[in-house]
Amino acid sequence: MTVWNAVLLTAFLISAVSSLTLFLKTVAMRDDYDPSEPKGSIPPAVLYAYTGAMSPLKKETANRHWPTYTAGMLYHAGIFFSFFWLLILATGIGLPAVLNRPSGVLLASTALCGLAILLKRAVSRKMRALSHPDDYLSNILSTGFQVVTAVTLLSGSGTAVLFFYASLLFLYIPVSKLRHAVFFPLTRFYLALHYGRRGVWPPPERSGL
């Protein structure tokens, strides 16, 4: 194991333990008391929370802003793809070299989506009013992660730089909005409990509409 592999692993473990601690604290704080009378079933609501409820057609902010939604989906896909390549490079798993260049070009494209979202946040008066410095920094770090991964794949070198950058990203996750990656499954589950109990999720079919 190289020094940079050790640094990357240490940063990942710190991030994982910190994120798990926050996750467990959130679960422990939940108050299960609900005075309302149950009107629905929880299991179908949980299924709906992770399927139909995530459809852009069910989200006002998505179906009114399709270009931003599409860019956001590609951007997030690029982040996951970058983590995939980070794992490959860090573990030394051998993949055909022919995959490097197209993967690098793809990540460069998804990074442009992140840059477009960042520029929209900076230019739009409404979005600026709702934004916090962390919104910008989280985007910059995530977009930069894709750029560094793309450069590493296209050049065939620079893994030390990638590992260092990824280490900084891991350490930033627990103290930033990036931890939504950890809390996202939990929030969907809690929403399912809340709306499933009330018979709101999944939405009842309405005949004649």
Protein backbone atom coordinates (compact mmCIF):
# COMPACT_ATOMS: atom_id res chain seq x y z
CA MET A 1 0.00 0.00 0.00
CA THR A 2 1.37 3.39 -1.02
CA VAL A 3 1.32 6.47 1.18
CA TRP A 4 -1.51 8.00 -0.84
CA ASN A 5 -3.53 4.80 -0.65
CA ALA A 6 -3.15 4.96 3.13
CA VAL A 7 -4.19 8.63 3.19
CA LEU A 8 -7.23 7.87 1.05
CA LEU A 9 -8.25 4.90 3.21
CA THR A 10 -7.84 6.93 6.41
CA ALA A 11 -9.96 9.78 5.06
CA PHE A 12 -12.62 7.34 3.90
CA LEU A 13 -12.78 5.64 7.31
CA ILE A 14 -13.05 9.00 9.11
CA SER A 15 -15.84 10.05 6.75
CA ALA A 16 -17.65 6.71 7.07
CA VAL A 17 -17.52 6.64 10.87
CA SER A 18 -18.57 10.30 11.16
CA SER A 19 -21.44 9.84 8.72
CA LEU A 20 -22.60 6.65 10.43
CA THR A 21 -22.54 8.42 13.81
CA LEU A 22 -24.71 11.23 12.45
CA PHE A 23 -27.03 8.68 10.89
CA LEU A 24 -27.48 6.74 14.14
CA LYS A 25 -28.00 9.95 16.13
CA THR A 26 -30.75 10.97 13.74
CA VAL A 27 -32.45 7.60 14.07
CA ALA A 28 -32.22 7.78 17.88
CA MET A 29 -33.85 11.22 17.90
CA ARG A 30 -36.94 10.05 16.05
CA ASP A 31 -40.18 10.35 18.01
CA ASP A 32 -42.51 7.51 17.06
CA TYR A 33 -45.52 9.03 18.82
CA ASP A 34 -48.23 9.94 16.33
CA PRO A 35 -51.73 10.67 17.68
CA SER A 36 -53.39 10.40 14.27
CA GLU A 37 -55.46 7.34 13.41
CA PRO A 38 -53.71 5.06 10.87
CA LYS A 39 -55.44 5.18 7.50
CA GLY A 40 -52.97 3.45 5.22
CA SER A 41 -50.34 0.74 4.94
CA ILE A 42 -46.62 1.36 5.43
CA PRO A 43 -45.00 -1.22 3.04
CA PRO A 44 -46.64 0.12 -0.15
CA ALA A 45 -45.70 3.64 0.94
CA VAL A 46 -42.06 2.62 1.37
CA LEU A 47 -42.02 1.10 -2.10
CA TYR A 48 -43.62 4.23 -3.54
CA ALA A 49 -41.14 6.48 -1.72
CA TYR A 50 -38.24 4.92 -3.61
CA THR A 51 -40.02 4.58 -6.96
CA GLY A 52 -43.02 6.64 -8.04
CA ALA A 53 -42.46 9.48 -5.60
CA MET A 54 -39.02 10.06 -7.11
CA SER A 55 -40.39 10.52 -10.61
CA PRO A 56 -39.74 14.01 -12.00
CA LEU A 57 -43.40 14.15 -12.95
CA LYS A 58 -44.21 14.13 -9.23
CA LYS A 59 -41.81 16.95 -8.42
CA GLU A 60 -42.75 20.53 -9.17
CA THR A 61 -39.13 21.70 -9.11
CA ALA A 62 -38.26 19.03 -11.68
CA ASN A 63 -41.11 19.09 -14.18
CA ARG A 64 -40.89 22.89 -14.45
CA HIS A 65 -37.12 22.88 -14.99
CA TRP A 66 -36.30 19.91 -17.19
CA PRO A 67 -32.87 21.14 -18.37
CA THR A 68 -31.69 21.66 -14.78
CA TYR A 69 -33.18 18.33 -13.70
CA THR A 70 -31.47 16.49 -16.55
CA ALA A 71 -28.16 18.21 -15.85
CA GLY A 72 -28.50 17.33 -12.18
CA MET A 73 -29.13 13.66 -12.92
CA LEU A 74 -26.11 13.48 -15.24
CA TYR A 75 -24.03 15.38 -12.69
CA HIS A 76 -24.88 12.94 -9.90
CA ALA A 77 -24.28 9.99 -12.20
CA GLY A 78 -20.83 11.44 -12.88
CA ILE A 79 -20.09 11.62 -9.15
CA PHE A 80 -20.97 7.95 -8.68
CA PHE A 81 -18.94 7.04 -11.77
CA SER A 82 -15.96 8.94 -10.35
CA PHE A 83 -16.22 6.99 -7.10
CA PHE A 84 -16.33 3.80 -9.16
CA TRP A 85 -13.07 4.69 -10.87
CA LEU A 86 -11.55 5.80 -7.57
CA LEU A 87 -12.26 2.33 -6.20
CA ILE A 88 -10.78 0.70 -9.30
CA LEU A 89 -7.61 2.78 -9.17
CA ALA A 90 -7.18 2.52 -5.40
CA THR A 91 -7.54 -1.25 -5.32
CA GLY A 92 -5.51 -1.88 -8.45
CA ILE A 93 -8.27 -3.82 -10.17
CA GLY A 94 -7.26 -4.23 -13.77
CA LEU A 95 -9.77 -2.98 -16.31
CA PRO A 96 -9.11 -2.80 -20.04
CA ALA A 97 -7.17 0.39 -20.81
CA VAL A 98 -9.52 1.01 -23.72
CA LEU A 99 -12.15 2.10 -21.18
CA ASN A 100 -10.06 4.96 -19.81
CA ARG A 101 -10.47 7.49 -22.60
CA PRO A 102 -14.25 7.19 -23.13
CA SER A 103 -14.73 7.23 -19.34
CA GLY A 104 -12.62 10.37 -19.08
CA VAL A 105 -14.60 12.10 -21.83
CA LEU A 106 -17.86 11.08 -20.17
CA LEU A 107 -16.74 12.51 -16.82
CA ALA A 108 -15.64 15.73 -18.47
CA SER A 109 -19.19 16.03 -19.86
CA THR A 110 -20.86 15.41 -16.50
CA ALA A 111 -18.49 17.92 -14.90
CA LEU A 112 -19.77 20.51 -17.38
CA CYS A 113 -23.29 19.78 -16.10
CA GLY A 114 -22.08 20.53 -12.58
CA LEU A 115 -20.49 23.76 -13.77
CA ALA A 116 -23.74 24.77 -15.49
CA ILE A 117 -25.67 24.18 -12.25
CA LEU A 118 -23.11 26.21 -10.32
CA LEU A 119 -23.36 29.11 -12.78
CA LYS A 120 -27.16 29.03 -12.62
CA ARG A 121 -26.99 29.27 -8.83
CA ALA A 122 -24.61 32.21 -9.06
CA VAL A 123 -26.56 34.07 -11.76
CA SER A 124 -30.15 33.49 -10.63
CA ARG A 125 -31.25 36.08 -8.08
CA LYS A 126 -33.75 33.67 -6.53
CA MET A 127 -31.21 30.89 -6.16
CA ARG A 128 -28.58 33.23 -4.76
CA ALA A 129 -31.03 34.31 -2.07
CA LEU A 130 -31.53 30.68 -1.05
CA SER A 131 -27.89 29.70 -1.28
CA HIS A 132 -25.28 29.23 1.42
CA PRO A 133 -21.48 29.23 0.89
CA ASP A 134 -21.56 25.46 1.41
CA ASP A 135 -23.84 25.12 -1.63
CA TYR A 136 -21.11 26.58 -3.80
CA LEU A 137 -18.21 24.78 -2.16
CA SER A 138 -19.93 21.40 -2.28
CA ASN A 139 -20.61 21.84 -5.97
CA ILE A 140 -17.05 22.98 -6.67
CA LEU A 141 -15.52 20.04 -4.82
CA SER A 142 -17.85 17.51 -6.47
CA THR A 143 -17.33 18.97 -9.93
CA GLY A 144 -13.58 19.12 -9.36
CA PHE A 145 -13.62 15.47 -8.33
CA GLN A 146 -15.02 14.55 -11.72
CA VAL A 147 -12.50 16.78 -13.48
CA VAL A 148 -9.53 15.30 -11.63
CA THR A 149 -10.78 11.77 -12.29
CA ALA A 150 -11.25 12.58 -15.97
CA VAL A 151 -7.74 14.03 -16.26
CA THR A 152 -6.28 11.00 -14.48
CA LEU A 153 -8.02 8.62 -16.88
CA LEU A 154 -7.17 10.60 -20.00
CA SER A 155 -3.51 11.14 -19.07
CA GLY A 156 -2.91 7.72 -17.56
CA SER A 157 -1.17 9.31 -14.57
CA GLY A 158 -1.83 11.51 -11.56
CA THR A 159 -3.41 8.96 -9.24
CA ALA A 160 -1.66 10.59 -6.26
CA VAL A 161 -3.41 13.88 -7.03
CA LEU A 162 -6.73 12.07 -7.38
CA PHE A 163 -6.27 10.24 -4.07
CA PHE A 164 -5.36 13.49 -2.29
CA TYR A 165 -8.36 15.30 -3.77
CA ALA A 166 -10.70 12.43 -2.94
CA SER A 167 -9.37 12.43 0.64
CA LEU A 168 -10.32 16.09 1.03
CA LEU A 169 -13.76 15.33 -0.40
CA PHE A 170 -14.28 12.45 2.03
CA LEU A 171 -13.36 14.64 4.99
CA TYR A 172 -15.72 17.38 3.83
CA ILE A 173 -18.75 15.12 3.39
CA PRO A 174 -19.78 14.77 7.08
CA VAL A 175 -19.65 18.54 7.72
CA SER A 176 -21.40 19.69 4.55
CA LYS A 177 -24.56 19.32 2.50
CA LEU A 178 -22.85 16.40 0.77
CA ARG A 179 -23.94 14.22 3.67
CA HIS A 180 -27.37 14.18 2.04
CA ALA A 181 -25.99 11.12 0.26
CA VAL A 182 -26.06 9.40 3.66
CA PHE A 183 -29.41 10.78 4.82
CA PHE A 184 -31.29 10.45 1.54
CA PRO A 185 -32.43 6.82 2.12
CA LEU A 186 -33.42 7.67 5.70
CA THR A 187 -35.49 10.71 4.75
CA ARG A 188 -37.34 8.73 2.07
CA PHE A 189 -38.15 6.05 4.65
CA TYR A 190 -39.41 8.58 7.20
CA LEU A 191 -41.58 10.23 4.56
CA ALA A 192 -43.04 6.82 3.75
CA LEU A 193 -43.84 6.21 7.41
CA HIS A 194 -45.51 9.61 7.70
CA TYR A 195 -47.54 9.61 4.50
CA GLY A 196 -48.18 5.87 4.47
CA ARG A 197 -49.79 6.03 7.91
CA ARG A 198 -52.08 8.77 6.66
CA GLY A 199 -53.02 6.90 3.49
CA VAL A 200 -51.49 9.57 1.26
CA TRP A 201 -48.71 7.39 -0.23
CA PRO A 202 -49.16 5.79 -2.62
CA PRO A 203 -51.71 8.30 -3.95
CA PRO A 204 -55.19 6.77 -4.12
CA GLU A 205 -56.43 6.26 -7.66
CA ARG A 206 -59.09 8.70 -8.67
CA SER A 207 -61.63 7.42 -11.14
CA GLY A 208 -63.03 9.80 -13.69
CA LEU A 209 -60.06 12.18 -13.61
